[in-house]
């Protein structure tokens, strides 16, 4: 099992790389072939790119919220697991 310090470091690295990875995936989403883009536009309407981008932003916000809850849990457990002197 990893120490709380290593868990926090991994969590912070994840929180830094998450936006870069999601922005990259959203960029690739807009670079679909014409037929795939047309299929998405037909199913979502004329504002398909905006809808996909907003859904990606909600995903980022949701993941940040979950990681914040996890970070507080780690800090709480680390604070309360130390023996009292």
N, C-alpha and C. Protein backbone atom coordinates (compact mmCIF):
# COMPACT_ATOMS: atom_id res chain seq x y z
N UNK A 1 0.84 -1.18 0.00
CA UNK A 1 0.00 0.00 0.00
C UNK A 1 0.89 1.24 0.00
N UNK A 2 0.50 2.23 -0.77
CA UNK A 2 1.28 3.45 -0.88
C UNK A 2 1.09 4.33 0.35
N UNK A 3 2.10 5.09 0.65
CA UNK A 3 2.01 6.01 1.78
C UNK A 3 1.09 7.18 1.40
N UNK A 4 0.52 7.85 2.39
CA UNK A 4 -0.34 9.00 2.09
C UNK A 4 0.37 10.09 1.29
N UNK A 5 1.66 10.27 1.54
CA UNK A 5 2.42 11.29 0.80
C UNK A 5 2.50 10.92 -0.68
N UNK A 6 2.77 9.64 -0.99
CA UNK A 6 2.83 9.20 -2.38
C UNK A 6 1.45 9.26 -3.04
N UNK A 7 0.40 8.91 -2.28
CA UNK A 7 -0.95 8.98 -2.83
C UNK A 7 -1.30 10.42 -3.20
N UNK A 8 -0.96 11.36 -2.34
CA UNK A 8 -1.23 12.77 -2.63
C UNK A 8 -0.45 13.25 -3.84
N UNK A 9 0.82 12.80 -3.97
CA UNK A 9 1.62 13.19 -5.12
C UNK A 9 1.01 12.64 -6.40
N UNK A 10 0.59 11.37 -6.40
CA UNK A 10 -0.02 10.78 -7.58
C UNK A 10 -1.33 11.49 -7.92
N UNK A 11 -2.09 11.84 -6.90
CA UNK A 11 -3.35 12.54 -7.11
C UNK A 11 -3.12 13.91 -7.73
N UNK A 12 -2.12 14.62 -7.27
CA UNK A 12 -1.84 15.95 -7.81
C UNK A 12 -1.32 15.86 -9.24
N UNK A 13 -0.52 14.86 -9.55
CA UNK A 13 -0.06 14.67 -10.92
C UNK A 13 -1.25 14.36 -11.83
N UNK A 14 -2.16 13.52 -11.35
CA UNK A 14 -3.36 13.20 -12.11
C UNK A 14 -4.19 14.45 -12.35
N UNK A 15 -4.31 15.29 -11.33
CA UNK A 15 -5.11 16.50 -11.47
C UNK A 15 -4.46 17.50 -12.43
N UNK A 16 -3.16 17.44 -12.61
CA UNK A 16 -2.49 18.31 -13.58
C UNK A 16 -2.58 17.77 -15.00
N UNK A 17 -2.51 16.46 -15.16
CA UNK A 17 -2.53 15.88 -16.50
C UNK A 17 -3.94 15.67 -17.04
N UNK A 18 -4.93 15.62 -16.17
CA UNK A 18 -6.30 15.39 -16.62
C UNK A 18 -6.79 16.43 -17.61
N UNK A 19 -6.65 17.73 -17.34
CA UNK A 19 -7.14 18.70 -18.33
C UNK A 19 -6.43 18.60 -19.67
N UNK A 20 -5.13 18.35 -19.66
CA UNK A 20 -4.39 18.23 -20.92
C UNK A 20 -4.89 17.04 -21.73
N UNK A 21 -5.12 15.92 -21.07
CA UNK A 21 -5.60 14.73 -21.77
C UNK A 21 -7.01 14.93 -22.31
N UNK A 22 -7.88 15.55 -21.52
CA UNK A 22 -9.24 15.75 -21.98
C UNK A 22 -9.32 16.79 -23.10
N UNK A 23 -8.52 17.84 -23.02
CA UNK A 23 -8.51 18.81 -24.11
C UNK A 23 -7.98 18.18 -25.40
N UNK A 24 -7.00 17.30 -25.27
CA UNK A 24 -6.50 16.60 -26.44
C UNK A 24 -7.59 15.71 -27.04
N UNK A 25 -8.31 14.99 -26.18
CA UNK A 25 -9.36 14.11 -26.70
C UNK A 25 -10.50 14.92 -27.30
N UNK A 26 -10.82 16.08 -26.73
CA UNK A 26 -11.85 16.93 -27.32
C UNK A 26 -11.40 17.48 -28.68
N UNK A 27 -10.11 17.78 -28.81
CA UNK A 27 -9.59 18.24 -30.10
C UNK A 27 -9.71 17.14 -31.15
N UNK A 28 -9.34 15.92 -30.76
CA UNK A 28 -9.46 14.81 -31.71
C UNK A 28 -10.92 14.56 -32.06
N UNK A 29 -11.81 14.81 -31.10
CA UNK A 29 -13.23 14.62 -31.36
C UNK A 29 -13.70 15.54 -32.48
N UNK A 30 -13.15 16.74 -32.52
CA UNK A 30 -13.55 17.68 -33.57
C UNK A 30 -12.84 17.41 -34.88
N UNK A 31 -11.83 16.55 -34.88
CA UNK A 31 -11.10 16.23 -36.11
C UNK A 31 -11.52 14.89 -36.71
N UNK A 32 -12.77 14.48 -36.43
CA UNK A 32 -13.31 13.27 -37.05
C UNK A 32 -13.33 13.42 -38.57
N UNK A 33 -13.52 12.32 -39.26
CA UNK A 33 -13.72 12.39 -40.70
C UNK A 33 -15.04 13.10 -40.98
N UNK A 34 -15.22 13.51 -42.22
CA UNK A 34 -16.44 14.25 -42.57
C UNK A 34 -17.69 13.42 -42.34
N UNK A 35 -17.63 12.14 -42.68
CA UNK A 35 -18.83 11.30 -42.53
C UNK A 35 -19.16 11.09 -41.04
N UNK A 36 -18.13 10.89 -40.21
CA UNK A 36 -18.38 10.72 -38.78
C UNK A 36 -18.88 12.02 -38.16
N UNK A 37 -18.30 13.14 -38.57
CA UNK A 37 -18.75 14.43 -38.06
C UNK A 37 -20.19 14.71 -38.49
N UNK A 38 -20.52 14.36 -39.71
CA UNK A 38 -21.88 14.57 -40.19
C UNK A 38 -22.87 13.71 -39.43
N UNK A 39 -22.48 12.48 -39.08
CA UNK A 39 -23.36 11.62 -38.30
C UNK A 39 -23.59 12.19 -36.91
N UNK A 40 -22.54 12.75 -36.29
CA UNK A 40 -22.69 13.38 -34.97
C UNK A 40 -23.56 14.62 -35.07
N UNK A 41 -23.34 15.42 -36.09
CA UNK A 41 -24.13 16.64 -36.26
C UNK A 41 -25.60 16.29 -36.50
N UNK A 42 -25.85 15.26 -37.28
CA UNK A 42 -27.24 14.86 -37.53
C UNK A 42 -27.91 14.37 -36.25
N UNK A 43 -27.16 13.69 -35.39
CA UNK A 43 -27.78 13.18 -34.16
C UNK A 43 -27.91 14.23 -33.08
N UNK A 44 -26.98 15.20 -33.01
CA UNK A 44 -27.02 16.21 -31.96
C UNK A 44 -27.55 17.56 -32.43
N UNK A 45 -27.59 17.79 -33.70
CA UNK A 45 -28.07 19.07 -34.20
C UNK A 45 -26.91 19.94 -34.66
N UNK A 46 -27.23 21.19 -34.97
CA UNK A 46 -26.25 22.09 -35.56
C UNK A 46 -25.16 22.50 -34.57
N UNK A 47 -25.43 22.48 -33.28
CA UNK A 47 -24.45 22.90 -32.27
C UNK A 47 -23.73 21.71 -31.65
N UNK A 48 -23.44 20.69 -32.44
CA UNK A 48 -22.85 19.46 -31.92
C UNK A 48 -21.49 19.69 -31.27
N UNK A 49 -20.63 20.51 -31.88
CA UNK A 49 -19.31 20.76 -31.30
C UNK A 49 -19.41 21.44 -29.94
N UNK A 50 -20.32 22.37 -29.82
CA UNK A 50 -20.51 23.05 -28.53
C UNK A 50 -21.04 22.08 -27.49
N UNK A 51 -21.99 21.23 -27.88
CA UNK A 51 -22.55 20.24 -26.94
C UNK A 51 -21.46 19.28 -26.47
N UNK A 52 -20.63 18.80 -27.39
CA UNK A 52 -19.55 17.88 -27.02
C UNK A 52 -18.55 18.57 -26.10
N UNK A 53 -18.22 19.83 -26.39
CA UNK A 53 -17.27 20.55 -25.55
C UNK A 53 -17.84 20.77 -24.15
N UNK A 54 -19.10 21.14 -24.05
CA UNK A 54 -19.72 21.34 -22.74
C UNK A 54 -19.80 20.04 -21.96
N UNK A 55 -20.12 18.94 -22.62
CA UNK A 55 -20.12 17.64 -21.93
C UNK A 55 -18.71 17.29 -21.43
N UNK A 56 -17.69 17.60 -22.23
CA UNK A 56 -16.31 17.38 -21.78
C UNK A 56 -15.96 18.23 -20.58
N UNK A 57 -16.42 19.48 -20.56
CA UNK A 57 -16.18 20.34 -19.40
C UNK A 57 -16.87 19.81 -18.15
N UNK A 58 -18.11 19.32 -18.31
CA UNK A 58 -18.80 18.72 -17.16
C UNK A 58 -18.05 17.48 -16.67
N UNK A 59 -17.47 16.71 -17.59
CA UNK A 59 -16.68 15.55 -17.19
C UNK A 59 -15.46 15.97 -16.39
N UNK A 60 -14.77 17.01 -16.85
CA UNK A 60 -13.59 17.52 -16.14
C UNK A 60 -13.98 18.01 -14.74
N UNK A 61 -15.05 18.78 -14.66
CA UNK A 61 -15.51 19.29 -13.36
C UNK A 61 -15.89 18.15 -12.43
N UNK A 62 -16.59 17.15 -12.96
CA UNK A 62 -16.97 16.00 -12.14
C UNK A 62 -15.76 15.22 -11.63
N UNK A 63 -14.79 15.00 -12.51
CA UNK A 63 -13.59 14.27 -12.08
C UNK A 63 -12.78 15.07 -11.06
N UNK A 64 -12.70 16.39 -11.24
CA UNK A 64 -12.02 17.21 -10.26
C UNK A 64 -12.72 17.14 -8.91
N UNK A 65 -14.05 17.14 -8.92
CA UNK A 65 -14.80 17.05 -7.67
C UNK A 65 -14.51 15.71 -6.97
N UNK A 66 -14.54 14.61 -7.74
CA UNK A 66 -14.26 13.29 -7.17
C UNK A 66 -12.84 13.24 -6.61
N UNK A 67 -11.87 13.79 -7.35
CA UNK A 67 -10.49 13.78 -6.87
C UNK A 67 -10.33 14.67 -5.64
N UNK A 68 -11.08 15.76 -5.55
CA UNK A 68 -11.04 16.60 -4.36
C UNK A 68 -11.58 15.88 -3.15
N UNK A 69 -12.67 15.12 -3.33
CA UNK A 69 -13.22 14.32 -2.23
C UNK A 69 -12.21 13.28 -1.80
N UNK A 70 -11.56 12.62 -2.78
CA UNK A 70 -10.57 11.60 -2.46
C UNK A 70 -9.37 12.21 -1.74
N UNK A 71 -8.94 13.40 -2.18
CA UNK A 71 -7.81 14.06 -1.53
C UNK A 71 -8.15 14.42 -0.08
N UNK A 72 -9.35 14.92 0.16
CA UNK A 72 -9.75 15.23 1.54
C UNK A 72 -9.82 13.96 2.38
N UNK A 73 -10.25 12.85 1.80
CA UNK A 73 -10.30 11.57 2.51
C UNK A 73 -8.90 11.14 2.91
N UNK A 74 -7.95 11.25 1.99
CA UNK A 74 -6.56 10.87 2.29
C UNK A 74 -6.01 11.75 3.41
N UNK A 75 -6.24 13.06 3.30
CA UNK A 75 -5.74 13.97 4.33
C UNK A 75 -6.39 13.69 5.68
N UNK A 76 -7.69 13.39 5.68
CA UNK A 76 -8.39 13.09 6.92
C UNK A 76 -7.85 11.82 7.56
N UNK A 77 -7.68 10.77 6.74
CA UNK A 77 -7.15 9.50 7.27
C UNK A 77 -5.72 9.67 7.76
N UNK A 78 -4.91 10.45 7.06
CA UNK A 78 -3.53 10.67 7.47
C UNK A 78 -3.50 11.44 8.79
N UNK A 79 -4.37 12.41 8.93
CA UNK A 79 -4.41 13.23 10.15
C UNK A 79 -4.88 12.40 11.35
N UNK A 80 -5.85 11.53 11.14
CA UNK A 80 -6.43 10.76 12.25
C UNK A 80 -5.76 9.41 12.48
N UNK A 81 -4.84 9.00 11.62
CA UNK A 81 -4.18 7.72 11.83
C UNK A 81 -2.90 7.84 12.66
N UNK A 82 -2.47 9.06 12.93
CA UNK A 82 -1.27 9.23 13.74
C UNK A 82 -1.58 8.96 15.21
N UNK A 83 -0.67 8.31 15.89
CA UNK A 83 -0.92 8.06 17.31
C UNK A 83 -0.85 9.34 18.13
N UNK A 84 -1.69 9.43 19.12
CA UNK A 84 -1.72 10.61 19.98
C UNK A 84 -0.60 10.51 21.02
N UNK A 85 0.08 11.60 21.26
CA UNK A 85 1.16 11.62 22.24
C UNK A 85 0.75 12.48 23.41
